[in-house]
Amino acid sequence: MLARILGAALSGSVGILSIVFGWLIWKKEKLSLLNDGHTDRLSPENRQAYCRLAGIGLIVAGVSLVITGVILGITDSAYSFLCFAAGGPAGLALLITAGAKYNR
């Protein structure tokens, strides 16, 4: 019982943190939340597009973690991680795409 609660709380907390960071990167263009190596060659005209794509990527991964935590808390099933298995790589793909496309 305790492991289920801790797993759900940890997944949900990390998910909420990812959503908040994603929103700050997307809407407030807080590039200081990212590693300098990911933004060192970012041109000023591409900043807004990069922030949008990277922020949405973090939000997608965060939402999948929150849903995983909720399902884990309700069902205590390994199937809860299927949501993260779908959403996590999708968010990561958006982050990689943002870096490859705009950080040249």
Protein backbone atom coordinates (compact mmCIF):
# COMPACT_ATOMS: atom_id res chain seq x y z
CA MET A 1 0.00 0.00 0.00
CA LEU A 2 2.78 2.42 0.94
CA ALA A 3 4.74 1.61 -2.22
CA ARG A 4 1.67 2.35 -4.34
CA ILE A 5 1.14 5.70 -2.65
CA LEU A 6 4.80 6.66 -2.94
CA GLY A 7 4.96 5.61 -6.59
CA ALA A 8 1.84 7.56 -7.45
CA ALA A 9 3.01 10.63 -5.51
CA LEU A 10 6.47 10.56 -7.05
CA SER A 11 5.15 10.14 -10.60
CA GLY A 12 2.59 12.88 -10.10
CA SER A 13 5.07 15.28 -8.49
CA VAL A 14 7.67 14.89 -11.22
CA GLY A 15 4.90 15.25 -13.80
CA ILE A 16 3.60 18.47 -12.27
CA LEU A 17 7.15 19.83 -12.07
CA SER A 18 7.70 19.00 -15.75
CA ILE A 19 4.44 20.71 -16.69
CA VAL A 20 5.40 23.86 -14.78
CA PHE A 21 8.89 23.94 -16.32
CA GLY A 22 7.42 23.33 -19.78
CA TRP A 23 4.98 26.19 -19.34
CA LEU A 24 7.75 28.52 -18.13
CA ILE A 25 9.92 27.62 -21.11
CA TRP A 26 7.05 27.93 -23.59
CA LYS A 27 5.22 31.03 -22.40
CA LYS A 28 7.90 32.92 -20.45
CA GLU A 29 10.87 31.80 -22.62
CA LYS A 30 12.91 30.86 -19.55
CA LEU A 31 15.84 29.24 -21.35
CA SER A 32 17.81 29.35 -18.11
CA LEU A 33 15.89 26.20 -17.09
CA LEU A 34 17.64 24.30 -19.88
CA ASN A 35 21.28 23.31 -20.14
CA ASP A 36 23.41 25.91 -21.94
CA GLY A 37 24.52 23.28 -24.43
CA HIS A 38 20.95 23.03 -25.67
CA THR A 39 20.69 26.74 -26.42
CA ASP A 40 24.23 27.92 -27.16
CA ARG A 41 23.73 28.29 -30.92
CA LEU A 42 20.11 29.42 -30.79
CA SER A 43 19.53 32.50 -32.92
CA PRO A 44 17.29 35.27 -31.55
CA GLU A 45 14.76 34.87 -34.38
CA ASN A 46 14.34 31.15 -33.57
CA ARG A 47 14.04 31.64 -29.81
CA GLN A 48 10.25 31.78 -29.68
CA ALA A 49 9.76 28.73 -31.92
CA TYR A 50 12.36 26.75 -29.96
CA CYS A 51 10.77 27.64 -26.63
CA ARG A 52 7.34 26.66 -27.91
CA LEU A 53 8.44 23.24 -29.16
CA ALA A 54 10.65 22.45 -26.16
CA GLY A 55 7.99 23.62 -23.70
CA ILE A 56 5.28 21.53 -25.33
CA GLY A 57 7.61 18.52 -25.25
CA LEU A 58 8.09 18.89 -21.50
CA ILE A 59 4.37 19.39 -20.98
CA VAL A 60 3.52 16.23 -22.95
CA ALA A 61 5.98 14.18 -20.89
CA GLY A 62 4.68 15.75 -17.67
CA VAL A 63 1.03 15.07 -18.46
CA SER A 64 1.82 11.45 -19.22
CA LEU A 65 3.59 11.17 -15.84
CA VAL A 66 0.64 12.71 -13.99
CA ILE A 67 -1.79 10.32 -15.70
CA THR A 68 0.57 7.44 -14.89
CA GLY A 69 0.58 8.48 -11.22
CA VAL A 70 -3.20 8.71 -11.09
CA ILE A 71 -3.69 5.31 -12.72
CA LEU A 72 -1.01 3.80 -10.48
CA GLY A 73 -2.71 5.20 -7.40
CA ILE A 74 -6.08 3.80 -8.43
CA THR A 75 -5.19 0.40 -9.87
CA ASP A 76 -1.71 -0.52 -8.57
CA SER A 77 -1.05 -2.08 -11.95
CA ALA A 78 2.00 -2.14 -14.19
CA TYR A 79 -0.34 -1.13 -17.02
CA SER A 80 -0.26 2.41 -15.64
CA PHE A 81 3.18 2.85 -17.14
CA LEU A 82 1.83 2.27 -20.65
CA CYS A 83 0.68 5.89 -20.59
CA PHE A 84 4.19 7.07 -19.83
CA ALA A 85 5.60 4.63 -22.37
CA ALA A 86 3.56 6.48 -25.00
CA GLY A 87 3.78 10.07 -23.73
CA GLY A 88 7.37 10.10 -22.50
CA PRO A 89 9.01 9.29 -25.83
CA ALA A 90 6.61 11.65 -27.62
CA GLY A 91 7.69 14.52 -25.36
CA LEU A 92 11.34 13.54 -25.72
CA ALA A 93 10.94 13.47 -29.51
CA LEU A 94 9.62 17.05 -29.42
CA LEU A 95 12.59 18.15 -27.31
CA ILE A 96 15.07 16.47 -29.67
CA THR A 97 13.31 17.93 -32.70
CA ALA A 98 13.48 21.43 -31.19
CA GLY A 99 17.21 21.09 -30.58
CA ALA A 100 17.98 19.62 -33.97
CA LYS A 101 15.87 22.14 -35.86
CA TYR A 102 16.66 25.43 -34.12
CA ASN A 103 19.97 24.98 -32.26
CA ARG A 104 22.34 24.93 -35.23
